[in-house]
Amino acid sequence: MAAVREALPEGRYGRSQDERADRKLKIIGSVLGVAFLAMVGWFGYDYVAGQDISAEVIKSRIVSDGLAEAHLEVRKEQDADGHCTLRALSEDGGEVGRADFRFDERTGRIDEVVSLRTTSRATAVELKGCAAGG
């Protein structure tokens, strides 16, 4: 009795339909992956390059009912000047004090403790943002 063959001989009639589909999916996936990485790189560069000044509040301390202090660290280009805005918040989240702190030192990093006068007791100090220039 002769054996009945169910499938075509391997490699005899070219690639199967599944192999062609797999290859197309791999190519499409690779192209989309490279495009996605390029887009993430572009947005990342644009975000970092667009920020001349970055800052953070290292810690804050409530001195009294009318005064709060914040340890502010600013990183910038050496010849850049600008200002950072801090605000003091009450227990319910309302603003009880706000101040702009200007800097024009010719260093790349400023590490300073600043004081904010408040209208009532603050519970936290928040950095609103920093901007270059006047």
N, C-alpha and C. Protein backbone atom coordinates (compact mmCIF):
# COMPACT_ATOMS: atom_id res chain seq x y z
N MET A 1 0.82 -1.15 0.00
CA MET A 1 0.00 0.00 0.00
C MET A 1 0.89 1.24 0.00
N ALA A 2 0.56 2.22 -0.76
CA ALA A 2 1.35 3.44 -0.88
C ALA A 2 0.92 4.46 0.16
N ALA A 3 1.91 5.17 0.67
CA ALA A 3 1.61 6.19 1.68
C ALA A 3 1.01 7.41 1.00
N VAL A 4 -0.01 7.93 1.60
CA VAL A 4 -0.67 9.13 1.07
C VAL A 4 -0.04 10.35 1.73
N ARG A 5 0.41 11.27 0.88
CA ARG A 5 1.05 12.49 1.37
C ARG A 5 -0.01 13.56 1.59
N GLU A 6 0.03 14.17 2.80
CA GLU A 6 -0.95 15.20 3.14
C GLU A 6 -0.47 16.59 2.73
N ALA A 7 0.81 16.84 2.82
CA ALA A 7 1.35 18.18 2.56
C ALA A 7 2.27 18.13 1.34
N LEU A 8 2.52 19.33 0.81
CA LEU A 8 3.44 19.44 -0.32
C LEU A 8 4.86 19.20 0.16
N PRO A 9 5.75 18.76 -0.68
CA PRO A 9 7.15 18.59 -0.29
C PRO A 9 7.76 19.93 0.15
N GLU A 10 8.56 19.87 1.21
CA GLU A 10 9.18 21.07 1.77
C GLU A 10 10.05 21.77 0.73
N GLY A 11 9.88 23.07 0.57
CA GLY A 11 10.73 23.88 -0.28
C GLY A 11 10.54 23.68 -1.77
N ARG A 12 9.65 22.86 -2.17
CA ARG A 12 9.51 22.56 -3.59
C ARG A 12 8.72 23.61 -4.35
N TYR A 13 7.74 24.20 -3.71
CA TYR A 13 6.87 25.13 -4.42
C TYR A 13 6.96 26.56 -3.88
N GLY A 14 8.08 26.93 -3.29
CA GLY A 14 8.27 28.29 -2.78
C GLY A 14 7.71 28.44 -1.37
N ARG A 15 7.63 29.65 -0.91
CA ARG A 15 7.16 29.92 0.44
C ARG A 15 5.65 29.69 0.53
N SER A 16 5.24 29.28 1.71
CA SER A 16 3.81 29.12 1.94
C SER A 16 3.20 30.49 2.20
N GLN A 17 1.92 30.54 2.17
CA GLN A 17 1.19 31.79 2.39
C GLN A 17 1.47 32.31 3.81
N ASP A 18 1.55 31.42 4.79
CA ASP A 18 1.83 31.82 6.16
C ASP A 18 3.21 32.44 6.31
N GLU A 19 4.22 31.88 5.64
CA GLU A 19 5.57 32.43 5.73
C GLU A 19 5.63 33.83 5.12
N ARG A 20 4.92 34.05 4.03
CA ARG A 20 4.89 35.39 3.42
C ARG A 20 4.21 36.38 4.34
N ALA A 21 3.11 35.97 4.97
CA ALA A 21 2.39 36.86 5.90
C ALA A 21 3.26 37.17 7.11
N ASP A 22 3.97 36.17 7.64
CA ASP A 22 4.86 36.40 8.78
C ASP A 22 5.96 37.39 8.42
N ARG A 23 6.51 37.27 7.24
CA ARG A 23 7.58 38.18 6.82
C ARG A 23 7.05 39.61 6.69
N LYS A 24 5.86 39.77 6.12
CA LYS A 24 5.27 41.10 6.00
C LYS A 24 5.01 41.70 7.37
N LEU A 25 4.49 40.91 8.30
CA LEU A 25 4.24 41.41 9.64
C LEU A 25 5.53 41.83 10.34
N LYS A 26 6.59 41.07 10.15
CA LYS A 26 7.88 41.43 10.75
C LYS A 26 8.40 42.74 10.19
N ILE A 27 8.28 42.93 8.89
CA ILE A 27 8.74 44.17 8.26
C ILE A 27 7.91 45.35 8.74
N ILE A 28 6.59 45.19 8.76
CA ILE A 28 5.71 46.27 9.21
C ILE A 28 5.98 46.60 10.68
N GLY A 29 6.14 45.58 11.51
CA GLY A 29 6.44 45.80 12.92
C GLY A 29 7.75 46.52 13.12
N SER A 30 8.77 46.15 12.35
CA SER A 30 10.07 46.80 12.45
C SER A 30 9.99 48.27 12.06
N VAL A 31 9.30 48.56 10.97
CA VAL A 31 9.16 49.94 10.51
C VAL A 31 8.40 50.76 11.54
N LEU A 32 7.30 50.23 12.08
CA LEU A 32 6.53 50.96 13.08
C LEU A 32 7.34 51.14 14.37
N GLY A 33 8.12 50.15 14.76
CA GLY A 33 8.96 50.25 15.95
C GLY A 33 10.00 51.35 15.81
N VAL A 34 10.67 51.40 14.66
CA VAL A 34 11.68 52.44 14.42
C VAL A 34 11.02 53.82 14.39
N ALA A 35 9.85 53.91 13.76
CA ALA A 35 9.14 55.20 13.72
C ALA A 35 8.73 55.64 15.12
N PHE A 36 8.28 54.71 15.95
CA PHE A 36 7.88 55.05 17.32
C PHE A 36 9.09 55.52 18.13
N LEU A 37 10.21 54.82 18.02
CA LEU A 37 11.42 55.24 18.74
C LEU A 37 11.90 56.61 18.27
N ALA A 38 11.81 56.87 16.98
CA ALA A 38 12.20 58.19 16.47
C ALA A 38 11.29 59.28 17.02
N MET A 39 9.99 58.99 17.11
CA MET A 39 9.04 59.96 17.63
C MET A 39 9.31 60.23 19.11
N VAL A 40 9.55 59.19 19.90
CA VAL A 40 9.85 59.37 21.32
C VAL A 40 11.15 60.17 21.48
N GLY A 41 12.15 59.87 20.68
CA GLY A 41 13.41 60.62 20.72
C GLY A 41 13.20 62.08 20.38
N TRP A 42 12.41 62.35 19.37
CA TRP A 42 12.14 63.73 18.96
C TRP A 42 11.43 64.50 20.08
N PHE A 43 10.37 63.91 20.65
CA PHE A 43 9.65 64.58 21.72
C PHE A 43 10.55 64.78 22.94
N GLY A 44 11.36 63.79 23.27
CA GLY A 44 12.27 63.90 24.40
C GLY A 44 13.28 65.02 24.19
N TYR A 45 13.87 65.07 23.02
CA TYR A 45 14.83 66.14 22.71
C TYR A 45 14.16 67.50 22.75
N ASP A 46 12.97 67.61 22.18
CA ASP A 46 12.27 68.88 22.15
C ASP A 46 11.93 69.34 23.56
N TYR A 47 11.56 68.41 24.43
CA TYR A 47 11.22 68.75 25.82
C TYR A 47 12.46 69.23 26.58
N VAL A 48 13.55 68.50 26.44
CA VAL A 48 14.78 68.85 27.16
C VAL A 48 15.40 70.12 26.59
N ALA A 49 15.44 70.24 25.28
CA ALA A 49 16.05 71.41 24.65
C ALA A 49 15.22 72.67 24.89
N GLY A 50 13.91 72.50 25.09
CA GLY A 50 13.04 73.65 25.29
C GLY A 50 13.11 74.21 26.70
N GLN A 51 13.73 73.49 27.62
CA GLN A 51 13.81 73.96 29.00
C GLN A 51 15.18 74.53 29.28
N ASP A 52 15.23 75.86 29.39
CA ASP A 52 16.48 76.52 29.72
C ASP A 52 16.79 76.40 31.20
N ILE A 53 15.73 76.30 32.00
CA ILE A 53 15.87 76.30 33.45
C ILE A 53 15.03 75.17 34.03
N SER A 54 15.61 74.43 34.95
CA SER A 54 14.82 73.46 35.69
C SER A 54 15.13 73.65 37.17
N ALA A 55 14.13 73.39 38.00
CA ALA A 55 14.30 73.61 39.43
C ALA A 55 13.44 72.63 40.20
N GLU A 56 13.76 72.48 41.48
CA GLU A 56 12.94 71.66 42.36
C GLU A 56 13.10 72.15 43.78
N VAL A 57 12.04 71.94 44.54
CA VAL A 57 12.08 72.24 45.97
C VAL A 57 12.60 70.98 46.65
N ILE A 58 13.77 71.08 47.27
CA ILE A 58 14.37 69.94 47.95
C ILE A 58 13.60 69.62 49.23
N LYS A 59 13.35 70.66 50.03
CA LYS A 59 12.53 70.50 51.23
C LYS A 59 11.98 71.86 51.61
N SER A 60 10.95 71.82 52.44
CA SER A 60 10.38 73.08 52.92
C SER A 60 10.15 72.98 54.41
N ARG A 61 10.03 74.17 55.04
CA ARG A 61 9.85 74.23 56.48
C ARG A 61 8.94 75.40 56.79
N ILE A 62 7.96 75.16 57.63
CA ILE A 62 7.06 76.22 58.06
C ILE A 62 7.67 76.83 59.32
N VAL A 63 8.06 78.09 59.23
CA VAL A 63 8.76 78.77 60.32
C VAL A 63 7.77 79.32 61.34
N SER A 64 6.71 79.96 60.86
CA SER A 64 5.70 80.55 61.74
C SER A 64 4.40 80.68 60.98
N ASP A 65 3.40 81.32 61.61
CA ASP A 65 2.12 81.54 60.94
C ASP A 65 2.25 82.46 59.73
N GLY A 66 3.31 83.26 59.68
CA GLY A 66 3.47 84.22 58.60
C GLY A 66 4.69 84.00 57.72
N LEU A 67 5.39 82.85 57.90
CA LEU A 67 6.62 82.65 57.15
C LEU A 67 6.87 81.16 56.88
N ALA A 68 7.27 80.89 55.64
CA ALA A 68 7.66 79.53 55.23
C ALA A 68 8.98 79.63 54.49
N GLU A 69 9.79 78.59 54.60
CA GLU A 69 11.08 78.54 53.90
C GLU A 69 11.11 77.33 52.97
N ALA A 70 11.84 77.48 51.88
CA ALA A 70 11.99 76.37 50.93
C ALA A 70 13.44 76.30 50.48
N HIS A 71 13.96 75.11 50.42
CA HIS A 71 15.30 74.87 49.88
C HIS A 71 15.11 74.65 48.39
N LEU A 72 15.52 75.62 47.58
CA LEU A 72 15.30 75.62 46.14
C LEU A 72 16.61 75.34 45.42
N GLU A 73 16.58 74.39 44.49
CA GLU A 73 17.75 74.09 43.66
C GLU A 73 17.39 74.38 42.21
N VAL A 74 18.17 75.24 41.56
CA VAL A 74 17.93 75.64 40.18
C VAL A 74 19.11 75.20 39.33
N ARG A 75 18.82 74.55 38.20
CA ARG A 75 19.85 74.16 37.23
C ARG A 75 19.56 74.89 35.92
N LYS A 76 20.61 75.51 35.37
CA LYS A 76 20.43 76.34 34.19
C LYS A 76 21.75 76.46 33.45
N GLU A 77 21.70 77.09 32.29
CA GLU A 77 22.94 77.44 31.61
C GLU A 77 23.61 78.56 32.37
N GLN A 78 24.94 78.62 32.31
CA GLN A 78 25.67 79.59 33.14
C GLN A 78 25.29 81.03 32.86
N ASP A 79 25.01 81.38 31.64
CA ASP A 79 24.71 82.78 31.34
C ASP A 79 23.22 83.10 31.36
N ALA A 80 22.38 82.14 31.74
CA ALA A 80 20.93 82.37 31.77
C ALA A 80 20.54 83.05 33.07
N ASP A 81 19.53 83.90 32.98
CA ASP A 81 18.93 84.47 34.17
C ASP A 81 17.42 84.30 34.06
N GLY A 82 16.71 84.45 35.16
CA GLY A 82 15.27 84.25 35.14
C GLY A 82 14.70 84.30 36.53
N HIS A 83 13.54 83.63 36.69
CA HIS A 83 12.88 83.62 37.98
C HIS A 83 12.10 82.33 38.17
N CYS A 84 11.88 81.99 39.43
CA CYS A 84 11.04 80.85 39.80
C CYS A 84 9.93 81.36 40.70
N THR A 85 8.75 80.80 40.54
CA THR A 85 7.60 81.18 41.35
C THR A 85 7.28 80.05 42.32
N LEU A 86 7.23 80.40 43.60
CA LEU A 86 6.86 79.46 44.66
C LEU A 86 5.56 79.94 45.28
N ARG A 87 4.78 78.99 45.79
CA ARG A 87 3.58 79.39 46.51
C ARG A 87 3.44 78.52 47.75
N ALA A 88 2.91 79.11 48.79
CA ALA A 88 2.65 78.42 50.04
C ALA A 88 1.18 78.04 50.09
N LEU A 89 0.91 76.83 50.56
CA LEU A 89 -0.45 76.31 50.58
C LEU A 89 -0.90 76.07 52.01
N SER A 90 -2.18 76.33 52.25
CA SER A 90 -2.75 76.05 53.57
C SER A 90 -3.17 74.58 53.63
N GLU A 91 -3.69 74.20 54.79
CA GLU A 91 -4.08 72.80 54.98
C GLU A 91 -5.17 72.37 54.00
N ASP A 92 -6.09 73.29 53.66
CA ASP A 92 -7.17 72.93 52.73
C ASP A 92 -6.76 73.09 51.26
N GLY A 93 -5.50 73.42 50.99
CA GLY A 93 -4.99 73.53 49.62
C GLY A 93 -5.06 74.92 49.03
N GLY A 94 -5.59 75.86 49.79
CA GLY A 94 -5.66 77.25 49.32
C GLY A 94 -4.30 77.93 49.37
N GLU A 95 -4.13 78.90 48.51
CA GLU A 95 -2.86 79.62 48.46
C GLU A 95 -2.84 80.70 49.53
N VAL A 96 -1.80 80.69 50.37
CA VAL A 96 -1.66 81.69 51.43
C VAL A 96 -0.41 82.55 51.24
N GLY A 97 0.36 82.28 50.20
CA GLY A 97 1.53 83.09 49.92
C GLY A 97 2.11 82.73 48.56
N ARG A 98 2.68 83.73 47.89
CA ARG A 98 3.29 83.53 46.59
C ARG A 98 4.45 84.50 46.45
N ALA A 99 5.55 84.02 45.84
CA ALA A 99 6.70 84.90 45.65
C ALA A 99 7.49 84.46 44.43
N ASP A 100 8.04 85.44 43.72
CA ASP A 100 8.96 85.19 42.61
C ASP A 100 10.37 85.42 43.12
N PHE A 101 11.25 84.51 42.79
CA PHE A 101 12.65 84.63 43.17
C PHE A 101 13.49 84.74 41.91
N ARG A 102 14.17 85.87 41.79
CA ARG A 102 14.99 86.15 40.61
C ARG A 102 16.41 85.64 40.85
N PHE A 103 17.04 85.22 39.77
CA PHE A 103 18.44 84.82 39.87
C PHE A 103 19.16 85.24 38.60
N ASP A 104 20.36 85.74 38.78
CA ASP A 104 21.19 86.14 37.65
C ASP A 104 22.66 85.75 37.88
N GLU A 105 22.89 84.84 38.83
CA GLU A 105 24.25 84.37 39.07
C GLU A 105 24.77 83.66 37.82
N ARG A 106 26.04 83.78 37.58
CA ARG A 106 26.65 83.17 36.39
C ARG A 106 27.20 81.79 36.73
N THR A 107 26.38 80.97 37.32
CA THR A 107 26.73 79.58 37.61
C THR A 107 25.66 78.67 37.03
N GLY A 108 25.98 77.41 36.85
CA GLY A 108 25.03 76.46 36.28
C GLY A 108 24.07 75.90 37.29
N ARG A 109 24.37 76.07 38.58
CA ARG A 109 23.53 75.51 39.63
C ARG A 109 23.44 76.48 40.80
N ILE A 110 22.22 76.76 41.23
CA ILE A 110 21.98 77.63 42.37
C ILE A 110 21.27 76.80 43.42
N ASP A 111 21.79 76.81 44.63
CA ASP A 111 21.25 76.03 45.73
C ASP A 111 21.03 77.00 46.89
N GLU A 112 19.76 77.32 47.18
CA GLU A 112 19.50 78.42 48.09
C GLU A 112 18.24 78.17 48.91
N VAL A 113 18.21 78.66 50.15
CA VAL A 113 17.01 78.62 50.97
C VAL A 113 16.34 79.98 50.85
N VAL A 114 15.06 79.97 50.44
CA VAL A 114 14.31 81.21 50.23
C VAL A 114 13.13 81.25 51.20
N SER A 115 12.68 82.46 51.52
CA SER A 115 11.58 82.66 52.47
C SER A 115 10.36 83.24 51.77
N LEU A 116 9.19 82.76 52.15
CA LEU A 116 7.92 83.27 51.62
C LEU A 116 7.10 83.80 52.79
N ARG A 117 6.59 85.01 52.65
CA ARG A 117 5.68 85.54 53.66
C ARG A 117 4.29 85.02 53.32
N THR A 118 3.55 84.66 54.37
CA THR A 118 2.22 84.08 54.17
C THR A 118 1.17 84.88 54.93
N THR A 119 -0.07 84.77 54.49
CA THR A 119 -1.17 85.48 55.16
C THR A 119 -1.72 84.69 56.34
N SER A 120 -1.51 83.38 56.33
CA SER A 120 -1.89 82.52 57.46
C SER A 120 -0.95 81.32 57.45
N ARG A 121 -1.13 80.41 58.38
CA ARG A 121 -0.20 79.28 58.52
C ARG A 121 -0.25 78.40 57.26
N ALA A 122 0.92 78.15 56.71
CA ALA A 122 1.06 77.27 55.54
C ALA A 122 1.37 75.86 56.02
N THR A 123 1.07 74.88 55.17
CA THR A 123 1.43 73.49 55.47
C THR A 123 2.37 72.92 54.42
N ALA A 124 2.49 73.59 53.28
CA ALA A 124 3.37 73.09 52.22
C ALA A 124 3.81 74.25 51.34
N VAL A 125 4.94 74.04 50.66
CA VAL A 125 5.44 75.01 49.68
C VAL A 125 5.55 74.28 48.35
N GLU A 126 5.06 74.90 47.30
CA GLU A 126 5.01 74.28 45.97
C GLU A 126 5.73 75.16 44.95
N LEU A 127 6.49 74.53 44.07
CA LEU A 127 7.13 75.24 42.96
C LEU A 127 6.14 75.30 41.81
N LYS A 128 5.73 76.51 41.43
CA LYS A 128 4.80 76.67 40.31
C LYS A 128 5.51 76.55 38.98
N GLY A 129 6.73 77.07 38.89
CA GLY A 129 7.47 76.99 37.64
C GLY A 129 8.58 78.01 37.59
N CYS A 130 9.40 77.87 36.57
CA CYS A 130 10.52 78.78 36.36
C CYS A 130 10.51 79.24 34.91
N ALA A 131 11.02 80.42 34.68
CA ALA A 131 11.09 80.96 33.33
C ALA A 131 12.39 81.73 33.16
N ALA A 132 12.93 81.68 31.96
CA ALA A 132 14.14 82.40 31.65
C ALA A 132 13.80 83.85 31.30
N GLY A 133 14.76 84.71 31.48
CA GLY A 133 14.59 86.11 31.11
C GLY A 133 13.90 86.91 32.19
N GLY A 134 13.36 88.06 31.77
CA GLY A 134 12.75 88.99 32.69
C GLY A 134 11.46 88.54 33.20
